[in-house]
Every structure is written in structure tokens, then in C-alpha cells.
């Protein structure tokens, strides 16, 4: 699609989620076509404190890990809660249809991290800039969400698992992955809109700015740029 064929012209933009091969291909064609973001493989980061339900958090980790590959990470400020989640993972994963693949994925891409305080959790969550970010911290969930600057989509509260966004909630679920949520957003209609700058000066307006433009051009050592302004200041 980026190069075109004998019968199909090359496209201007390629968008959508996919595995690492799909996303690598999208990277390769930047310049020939635009892309929306790096959208895959799937990943989730769950911020949870001791008010969260460990069984639900583990289930949400497994829902990403079953993608195989699918990164599933928990950040918590409670060591006891971290241990509960680990226990739930061991219990629940054996009952899954895709148990073998999910276990392998958890070993390779799963992580449970205990931090000394929630401020550190939030700092590292913003550094990770994950595709899906769940916040299960009881009454503190919305307050914590306000401090998140980098995430593809934020799921607030115990009853907002990623699957709700996958299938039902409504917002775009083509989301940036691999820390690219620091500078990419979810795919929307805005990705198919571009802008063009329009500049129109008359003789008087250019005359007012000419001296400054010439000085900047000369500071850059671009003599022809400066002369393209000077020549318009000469009397005919």
C-alpha cells in the first residue's frame, strides 16, 4: 500500500494496530506514507493499592498476557498486595484456555513492582507511557488519574477493565504502545486531517519586517535568503 502497484496507487497514510511485524513495517514506510502511531503489541499497566481487588487485577493482567505477546505490569505501593496478585496469577492462569501461551508471556513480559509510595508509582507510570493504564485505587483513583500525563487510554476504577474499552465503551482503541504515548495519541478522525500555512504579505508589510528578516538570515550565514528580501526593497 505504501509503494503502490501497477493498478493501485500508493496511499498517503497507513493506520491501525498489529503485532511487532506490522508495526515494524509501518516504521519502515514513514516518509513514503504517514502513520498514526506504533500500535502494538498490546500492553497494560495497572496502578493499584491495597484497596484494589487482587483477583480482579490478576484477571486484567491475564487478559493482556493471553495475546502472547502482551505485556502485563502492575505498579503498587503495597508489598502485601503485590504478593496477593502473584498468588492470584498462579491460581487463575491454570484455568485459562490459552494457559500455556499465557504463562510463557507472563514470564517474559509480566511484572509486578512494589514502590515505596504512590508518588513514585505515578512518576514511573508516566515514564512507561503504556497503551492501557488501569487505576484501581479506590477513592483515590480519579485523583491519581489527574496526575497521569502519558498513556494511550486510562481506565479508572475497579469496574473499568481494558476489555470494556476493547469491545464496548466507544473511544478509539487503536492506541500507541512502547512508550510512544509520550508523543502519539489514539487514532481518531484527526489523523486524516492536515493543515497548510498560508502567508500573504504586501509591499508595506514586508518593508516593516525586512530589516529583522535580513538580520536573521545573515546571522545564519544565508546570504541568498537575505538578498531575496533586499532585492524587493530596491526602487524600480
C-alpha atoms as a PDB file:
ATOM      1  CA  UNK A   1       0.000   0.000   0.000  1.00  0.00           C
ATOM      2  CA  UNK A   2       2.891   2.385   0.682  1.00  0.00           C
ATOM      3  CA  UNK A   3       4.593   1.695  -2.651  1.00  0.00           C
ATOM      4  CA  UNK A   4       1.506   1.083  -4.778  1.00  0.00           C
ATOM      5  CA  UNK A   5       1.116  -1.434  -7.591  1.00  0.00           C
ATOM      6  CA  UNK A   6       0.517  -1.306 -11.327  1.00  0.00           C
ATOM      7  CA  UNK A   7      -3.204  -0.922 -10.667  1.00  0.00           C
ATOM      8  CA  UNK A   8      -3.398   0.600  -7.162  1.00  0.00           C
ATOM      9  CA  UNK A   9      -1.822   3.999  -6.443  1.00  0.00           C
ATOM     10  CA  UNK A  10       0.287   4.381  -3.304  1.00  0.00           C
ATOM     11  CA  UNK A  11      -1.637   5.573  -0.257  1.00  0.00           C
ATOM     12  CA  UNK A  12      -0.926   8.674   1.840  1.00  0.00           C
ATOM     13  CA  UNK A  13      -1.496   7.116   5.261  1.00  0.00           C
ATOM     14  CA  UNK A  14      -1.387   3.689   6.891  1.00  0.00           C
ATOM     15  CA  UNK A  15      -3.053   3.215  10.264  1.00  0.00           C
ATOM     16  CA  UNK A  16      -4.123   0.515  12.652  1.00  0.00           C
ATOM     17  CA  UNK A  17      -2.951  -1.955  15.316  1.00  0.00           C
ATOM     18  CA  UNK A  18      -0.938  -5.124  14.801  1.00  0.00           C
ATOM     19  CA  UNK A  19       1.892  -7.305  16.043  1.00  0.00           C
ATOM     20  CA  UNK A  20       5.572  -6.371  16.026  1.00  0.00           C
ATOM     21  CA  UNK A  21       5.902  -7.236  12.330  1.00  0.00           C
ATOM     22  CA  UNK A  22       3.015  -4.921  11.391  1.00  0.00           C
ATOM     23  CA  UNK A  23       4.411  -2.063  13.460  1.00  0.00           C
ATOM     24  CA  UNK A  24       7.947  -2.564  12.125  1.00  0.00           C
ATOM     25  CA  UNK A  25       6.562  -2.373   8.594  1.00  0.00           C
ATOM     26  CA  UNK A  26       4.794   0.891   9.483  1.00  0.00           C
ATOM     27  CA  UNK A  27       8.079   2.329  10.772  1.00  0.00           C
ATOM     28  CA  UNK A  28       9.825   1.342   7.538  1.00  0.00           C
ATOM     29  CA  UNK A  29       7.418   3.251   5.298  1.00  0.00           C
ATOM     30  CA  UNK A  30       7.428   6.571   7.184  1.00  0.00           C
ATOM     31  CA  UNK A  31       8.335   9.144   4.553  1.00  0.00           C
ATOM     32  CA  UNK A  32       6.577   7.227   1.809  1.00  0.00           C
ATOM     33  CA  UNK A  33       3.330   7.381   3.764  1.00  0.00           C
ATOM     34  CA  UNK A  34       2.203   8.774   7.084  1.00  0.00           C
ATOM     35  CA  UNK A  35       1.267   6.563  10.029  1.00  0.00           C
ATOM     36  CA  UNK A  36      -0.928   7.062  13.083  1.00  0.00           C
ATOM     37  CA  UNK A  37       1.360   5.620  15.792  1.00  0.00           C
ATOM     38  CA  UNK A  38       3.176   2.466  16.844  1.00  0.00           C
ATOM     39  CA  UNK A  39       0.107   0.467  17.884  1.00  0.00           C
ATOM     40  CA  UNK A  40       1.172  -2.948  19.166  1.00  0.00           C
ATOM     41  CA  UNK A  41       1.871  -5.437  20.572  1.00  0.00           C
ATOM     42  CA  UNK A  42      -0.699  -4.940  23.319  1.00  0.00           C
ATOM     43  CA  UNK A  43       0.223  -3.843  26.856  1.00  0.00           C
ATOM     44  CA  UNK A  44      -1.358  -2.851  30.158  1.00  0.00           C
ATOM     45  CA  UNK A  45      -0.074  -1.128  33.277  1.00  0.00           C
ATOM     46  CA  UNK A  46      -2.261  -1.394  36.368  1.00  0.00           C
ATOM     47  CA  UNK A  47      -1.778   1.062  39.217  1.00  0.00           C
ATOM     48  CA  UNK A  48      -3.263  -0.496  42.344  1.00  0.00           C
ATOM     49  CA  UNK A  49      -3.140  -0.002  46.082  1.00  0.00           C
ATOM     50  CA  UNK A  50      -4.372  -2.159  48.968  1.00  0.00           C
ATOM     51  CA  UNK A  51      -7.958  -1.052  48.270  1.00  0.00           C
ATOM     52  CA  UNK A  52      -7.978  -2.974  44.973  1.00  0.00           C
ATOM     53  CA  UNK A  53      -9.266  -6.494  44.418  1.00  0.00           C
ATOM     54  CA  UNK A  54      -6.191  -8.663  43.798  1.00  0.00           C
ATOM     55  CA  UNK A  55      -8.205 -11.273  41.896  1.00  0.00           C
ATOM     56  CA  UNK A  56      -9.542  -8.635  39.508  1.00  0.00           C
ATOM     57  CA  UNK A  57      -6.111  -7.108  38.966  1.00  0.00           C
ATOM     58  CA  UNK A  58      -4.660 -10.540  38.187  1.00  0.00           C
ATOM     59  CA  UNK A  59      -7.508 -11.224  35.756  1.00  0.00           C
ATOM     60  CA  UNK A  60      -6.762  -7.970  33.946  1.00  0.00           C
ATOM     61  CA  UNK A  61      -3.073  -8.898  33.694  1.00  0.00           C
ATOM     62  CA  UNK A  62      -4.016 -12.250  32.193  1.00  0.00           C
ATOM     63  CA  UNK A  63      -6.350 -10.628  29.659  1.00  0.00           C
ATOM     64  CA  UNK A  64      -3.320  -8.881  28.148  1.00  0.00           C
ATOM     65  CA  UNK A  65      -0.849 -11.728  28.568  1.00  0.00           C
ATOM     66  CA  UNK A  66      -3.095 -14.094  26.602  1.00  0.00           C
ATOM     67  CA  UNK A  67      -2.328 -12.029  23.499  1.00  0.00           C
ATOM     68  CA  UNK A  68       1.076 -13.757  23.638  1.00  0.00           C
ATOM     69  CA  UNK A  69       2.822 -11.405  23.263  1.00  0.00           C
ATOM     70  CA  UNK A  70       1.070  -8.980  25.575  1.00  0.00           C
ATOM     71  CA  UNK A  71       2.820  -7.024  28.297  1.00  0.00           C
ATOM     72  CA  UNK A  72       1.105  -7.009  31.723  1.00  0.00           C
ATOM     73  CA  UNK A  73       2.550  -4.848  34.514  1.00  0.00           C
ATOM     74  CA  UNK A  74       1.350  -3.875  37.987  1.00  0.00           C
ATOM     75  CA  UNK A  75       2.696  -0.938  39.999  1.00  0.00           C
ATOM     76  CA  UNK A  76       1.685  -0.838  43.656  1.00  0.00           C
ATOM     77  CA  UNK A  77       2.700   0.820  46.900  1.00  0.00           C
ATOM     78  CA  UNK A  78       1.716  -2.266  48.929  1.00  0.00           C
ATOM     79  CA  UNK A  79       4.062  -5.236  49.154  1.00  0.00           C
ATOM     80  CA  UNK A  80       1.323  -7.376  50.678  1.00  0.00           C
ATOM     81  CA  UNK A  81      -0.984  -6.572  47.769  1.00  0.00           C
ATOM     82  CA  UNK A  82       1.772  -7.426  45.263  1.00  0.00           C
ATOM     83  CA  UNK A  83       2.093 -10.871  46.856  1.00  0.00           C
ATOM     84  CA  UNK A  84      -1.689 -11.367  46.666  1.00  0.00           C
ATOM     85  CA  UNK A  85      -1.701 -10.564  42.948  1.00  0.00           C
ATOM     86  CA  UNK A  86       1.102 -13.047  42.321  1.00  0.00           C
ATOM     87  CA  UNK A  87      -0.861 -15.727  44.139  1.00  0.00           C
ATOM     88  CA  UNK A  88      -3.967 -14.986  42.093  1.00  0.00           C
ATOM     89  CA  UNK A  89      -1.994 -15.158  38.834  1.00  0.00           C
ATOM     90  CA  UNK A  90      -0.752 -18.634  39.698  1.00  0.00           C
ATOM     91  CA  UNK A  91      -4.267 -19.754  40.570  1.00  0.00           C
ATOM     92  CA  UNK A  92      -6.132 -18.249  37.632  1.00  0.00           C
ATOM     93  CA  UNK A  93      -3.718 -18.883  34.775  1.00  0.00           C
ATOM     94  CA  UNK A  94      -4.058 -22.663  35.037  1.00  0.00           C
ATOM     95  CA  UNK A  95      -7.782 -22.375  34.269  1.00  0.00           C
ATOM     96  CA  UNK A  96      -7.418 -20.437  31.001  1.00  0.00           C
ATOM     97  CA  UNK A  97      -7.979 -21.910  27.544  1.00  0.00           C
ATOM     98  CA  UNK A  98      -4.655 -20.407  26.450  1.00  0.00           C
ATOM     99  CA  UNK A  99      -2.863 -21.254  29.675  1.00  0.00           C
ATOM    100  CA  UNK A 100       0.452 -22.408  28.185  1.00  0.00           C
ATOM    101  CA  UNK A 101       0.944 -19.369  25.954  1.00  0.00           C
ATOM    102  CA  UNK A 102      -0.190 -17.018  28.713  1.00  0.00           C
ATOM    103  CA  UNK A 103       2.272 -18.451  31.249  1.00  0.00           C
ATOM    104  CA  UNK A 104       5.143 -18.065  28.794  1.00  0.00           C
ATOM    105  CA  UNK A 105       4.094 -14.484  28.104  1.00  0.00           C
ATOM    106  CA  UNK A 106       3.874 -13.634  31.819  1.00  0.00           C
ATOM    107  CA  UNK A 107       7.370 -14.981  32.387  1.00  0.00           C
ATOM    108  CA  UNK A 108       8.781 -12.901  29.555  1.00  0.00           C
ATOM    109  CA  UNK A 109       6.714  -9.707  29.722  1.00  0.00           C
ATOM    110  CA  UNK A 110       4.890  -9.738  33.070  1.00  0.00           C
ATOM    111  CA  UNK A 111       5.977  -7.598  36.007  1.00  0.00           C
ATOM    112  CA  UNK A 112       4.765  -6.708  39.497  1.00  0.00           C
ATOM    113  CA  UNK A 113       6.652  -3.782  41.011  1.00  0.00           C
ATOM    114  CA  UNK A 114       6.444  -2.565  44.606  1.00  0.00           C
ATOM    115  CA  UNK A 115       7.220   1.129  45.191  1.00  0.00           C
ATOM    116  CA  UNK A 116       7.751   2.950  48.486  1.00  0.00           C
ATOM    117  CA  UNK A 117       4.960   5.447  47.780  1.00  0.00           C
ATOM    118  CA  UNK A 118       2.303   6.404  45.235  1.00  0.00           C
ATOM    119  CA  UNK A 119       4.268   9.430  44.020  1.00  0.00           C
ATOM    120  CA  UNK A 120       6.956   7.067  42.721  1.00  0.00           C
ATOM    121  CA  UNK A 121       4.293   4.884  41.127  1.00  0.00           C
ATOM    122  CA  UNK A 122       2.891   7.873  39.226  1.00  0.00           C
ATOM    123  CA  UNK A 123       6.344   9.062  38.141  1.00  0.00           C
ATOM    124  CA  UNK A 124       7.248   5.687  36.671  1.00  0.00           C
ATOM    125  CA  UNK A 125       3.821   5.221  35.113  1.00  0.00           C
ATOM    126  CA  UNK A 126       4.371   8.445  33.184  1.00  0.00           C
ATOM    127  CA  UNK A 127       7.838   7.225  32.154  1.00  0.00           C
ATOM    128  CA  UNK A 128       6.444   3.896  30.917  1.00  0.00           C
ATOM    129  CA  UNK A 129       3.640   5.645  28.948  1.00  0.00           C
ATOM    130  CA  UNK A 130       1.698   2.437  28.443  1.00  0.00           C
ATOM    131  CA  UNK A 131      -1.002   1.735  25.883  1.00  0.00           C
ATOM    132  CA  UNK A 132      -3.634   0.818  28.506  1.00  0.00           C
ATOM    133  CA  UNK A 133      -3.411   2.256  32.007  1.00  0.00           C
ATOM    134  CA  UNK A 134      -5.808   0.966  34.652  1.00  0.00           C
ATOM    135  CA  UNK A 135      -6.106   2.728  38.010  1.00  0.00           C
ATOM    136  CA  UNK A 136      -7.647   0.645  40.790  1.00  0.00           C
ATOM    137  CA  UNK A 137      -7.043   2.635  43.952  1.00  0.00           C
ATOM    138  CA  UNK A 138     -10.480   3.026  45.493  1.00  0.00           C
ATOM    139  CA  UNK A 139     -11.486   6.609  46.224  1.00  0.00           C
ATOM    140  CA  UNK A 140      -8.025   7.815  45.143  1.00  0.00           C
ATOM    141  CA  UNK A 141      -8.391   6.562  41.553  1.00  0.00           C
ATOM    142  CA  UNK A 142      -9.605   9.813  39.949  1.00  0.00           C
ATOM    143  CA  UNK A 143      -7.066  11.898  41.855  1.00  0.00           C
ATOM    144  CA  UNK A 144      -4.264   9.666  40.589  1.00  0.00           C
ATOM    145  CA  UNK A 145      -5.661   9.751  37.041  1.00  0.00           C
ATOM    146  CA  UNK A 146      -5.357  13.552  37.054  1.00  0.00           C
ATOM    147  CA  UNK A 147      -1.591  13.143  37.514  1.00  0.00           C
ATOM    148  CA  UNK A 148      -1.131  10.819  34.546  1.00  0.00           C
ATOM    149  CA  UNK A 149       0.255  12.653  31.518  1.00  0.00           C
ATOM    150  CA  UNK A 150       1.360   9.765  29.305  1.00  0.00           C
ATOM    151  CA  UNK A 151      -0.975   6.881  28.433  1.00  0.00           C
ATOM    152  CA  UNK A 152      -2.847   5.671  25.383  1.00  0.00           C
ATOM    153  CA  UNK A 153      -6.103   5.251  27.325  1.00  0.00           C
ATOM    154  CA  UNK A 154      -6.855   5.494  31.052  1.00  0.00           C
ATOM    155  CA  UNK A 155      -9.341   3.151  32.722  1.00  0.00           C
ATOM    156  CA  UNK A 156     -10.468   4.493  36.094  1.00  0.00           C
ATOM    157  CA  UNK A 157     -11.831   2.343  38.903  1.00  0.00           C
ATOM    158  CA  UNK A 158     -12.460  -1.308  39.698  1.00  0.00           C
ATOM    159  CA  UNK A 159     -15.212  -1.693  37.107  1.00  0.00           C
ATOM    160  CA  UNK A 160     -13.336  -0.364  34.063  1.00  0.00           C
ATOM    161  CA  UNK A 161     -11.166  -3.226  32.780  1.00  0.00           C
ATOM    162  CA  UNK A 162      -9.451  -2.936  29.397  1.00  0.00           C
ATOM    163  CA  UNK A 163     -11.974  -5.322  27.845  1.00  0.00           C
ATOM    164  CA  UNK A 164     -14.633  -2.602  28.258  1.00  0.00           C
ATOM    165  CA  UNK A 165     -12.556  -0.362  26.004  1.00  0.00           C
ATOM    166  CA  UNK A 166     -11.773  -3.217  23.635  1.00  0.00           C
ATOM    167  CA  UNK A 167     -15.360  -4.061  22.894  1.00  0.00           C
ATOM    168  CA  UNK A 168     -17.901  -1.587  24.196  1.00  0.00           C
ATOM    169  CA  UNK A 169     -17.041   1.801  25.739  1.00  0.00           C
ATOM    170  CA  UNK A 170     -16.702   3.629  22.433  1.00  0.00           C
ATOM    171  CA  UNK A 171     -13.407   5.600  22.242  1.00  0.00           C
ATOM    172  CA  UNK A 172     -10.793   4.669  19.664  1.00  0.00           C
ATOM    173  CA  UNK A 173      -8.941   1.551  20.694  1.00  0.00           C
ATOM    174  CA  UNK A 174      -6.090   1.893  18.251  1.00  0.00           C
ATOM    175  CA  UNK A 175      -3.598   3.114  20.855  1.00  0.00           C
ATOM    176  CA  UNK A 176       0.137   3.921  20.973  1.00  0.00           C
ATOM    177  CA  UNK A 177       2.447   1.355  22.592  1.00  0.00           C
ATOM    178  CA  UNK A 178       6.109   1.020  23.594  1.00  0.00           C
ATOM    179  CA  UNK A 179       6.345   4.400  25.426  1.00  0.00           C
ATOM    180  CA  UNK A 180       5.159   6.194  22.266  1.00  0.00           C
ATOM    181  CA  UNK A 181       2.163   7.526  24.218  1.00  0.00           C
ATOM    182  CA  UNK A 182       4.620  10.234  25.245  1.00  0.00           C
ATOM    183  CA  UNK A 183       4.117  11.784  21.807  1.00  0.00           C
ATOM    184  CA  UNK A 184       1.366   9.835  19.975  1.00  0.00           C
ATOM    185  CA  UNK A 185      -2.386   9.783  20.663  1.00  0.00           C
ATOM    186  CA  UNK A 186      -5.166   7.320  19.929  1.00  0.00           C
ATOM    187  CA  UNK A 187      -6.244   7.016  16.294  1.00  0.00           C
ATOM    188  CA  UNK A 188      -9.086   9.430  15.535  1.00  0.00           C
ATOM    189  CA  UNK A 189     -10.506  11.348  12.581  1.00  0.00           C
ATOM    190  CA  UNK A 190      -7.859  13.991  13.322  1.00  0.00           C
ATOM    191  CA  UNK A 191      -5.229  11.622  11.898  1.00  0.00           C
ATOM    192  CA  UNK A 192      -6.782  12.126   8.466  1.00  0.00           C
ATOM    193  CA  UNK A 193      -6.725  15.916   8.684  1.00  0.00           C
ATOM    194  CA  UNK A 194      -3.677  18.013   7.823  1.00  0.00           C
ATOM    195  CA  UNK A 195      -3.056  21.751   7.834  1.00  0.00           C
ATOM    196  CA  UNK A 196      -1.308  24.112   5.447  1.00  0.00           C
ATOM    197  CA  UNK A 197       0.120  27.524   6.363  1.00  0.00           C
ATOM    198  CA  UNK A 198      -0.891  30.439   4.122  1.00  0.00           C
ATOM    199  CA  UNK A 199       1.294  33.571   4.038  1.00  0.00           C
ATOM    200  CA  UNK A 200       0.483  36.748   2.100  1.00  0.00           C
ATOM    201  CA  UNK A 201       2.481  39.997   2.583  1.00  0.00           C
ATOM    202  CA  UNK A 202       2.096  43.232   0.641  1.00  0.00           C
ATOM    203  CA  UNK A 203       4.857  45.764  -0.076  1.00  0.00           C
ATOM    204  CA  UNK A 204       4.273  47.820   3.060  1.00  0.00           C
ATOM    205  CA  UNK A 205       4.084  44.823   5.412  1.00  0.00           C
ATOM    206  CA  UNK A 206       7.300  43.340   4.031  1.00  0.00           C
ATOM    207  CA  UNK A 207       9.047  46.695   4.363  1.00  0.00           C
ATOM    208  CA  UNK A 208       8.218  46.800   8.094  1.00  0.00           C
ATOM    209  CA  UNK A 209       9.790  43.387   8.678  1.00  0.00           C
ATOM    210  CA  UNK A 210      12.601  43.455   6.114  1.00  0.00           C
ATOM    211  CA  UNK A 211      15.374  44.635   8.439  1.00  0.00           C
ATOM    212  CA  UNK A 212      14.662  41.909  11.006  1.00  0.00           C
ATOM    213  CA  UNK A 213      14.393  39.179   8.383  1.00  0.00           C
ATOM    214  CA  UNK A 214      17.677  40.234   6.776  1.00  0.00           C
ATOM    215  CA  UNK A 215      19.445  40.283  10.137  1.00  0.00           C
ATOM    216  CA  UNK A 216      18.267  36.766  10.996  1.00  0.00           C
ATOM    217  CA  UNK A 217      19.254  35.431   7.569  1.00  0.00           C
ATOM    218  CA  UNK A 218      22.724  36.972   7.866  1.00  0.00           C
ATOM    219  CA  UNK A 219      23.128  35.528  11.380  1.00  0.00           C
ATOM    220  CA  UNK A 220      22.531  32.105   9.846  1.00  0.00           C
ATOM    221  CA  UNK A 221      25.040  32.825   7.105  1.00  0.00           C
ATOM    222  CA  UNK A 222      22.400  32.519   4.394  1.00  0.00           C
ATOM    223  CA  UNK A 223      23.256  35.399   2.097  1.00  0.00           C
ATOM    224  CA  UNK A 224      20.796  34.470  -0.655  1.00  0.00           C
ATOM    225  CA  UNK A 225      17.937  34.461   1.836  1.00  0.00           C
ATOM    226  CA  UNK A 226      18.843  37.993   2.892  1.00  0.00           C
ATOM    227  CA  UNK A 227      19.187  39.165  -0.704  1.00  0.00           C
ATOM    228  CA  UNK A 228      15.739  37.767  -1.590  1.00  0.00           C
ATOM    229  CA  UNK A 229      14.394  40.384   0.834  1.00  0.00           C
ATOM    230  CA  UNK A 230      16.845  43.161  -0.094  1.00  0.00           C
ATOM    231  CA  UNK A 231      16.026  42.963  -3.788  1.00  0.00           C
ATOM    232  CA  UNK A 232      12.394  43.762  -3.023  1.00  0.00           C
ATOM    233  CA  UNK A 233      13.420  46.893  -1.111  1.00  0.00           C
ATOM    234  CA  UNK A 234      15.244  48.417  -4.086  1.00  0.00           C
ATOM    235  CA  UNK A 235      13.454  51.110  -6.043  1.00  0.00           C
ATOM    236  CA  UNK A 236      12.451  50.072  -9.535  1.00  0.00           C
END
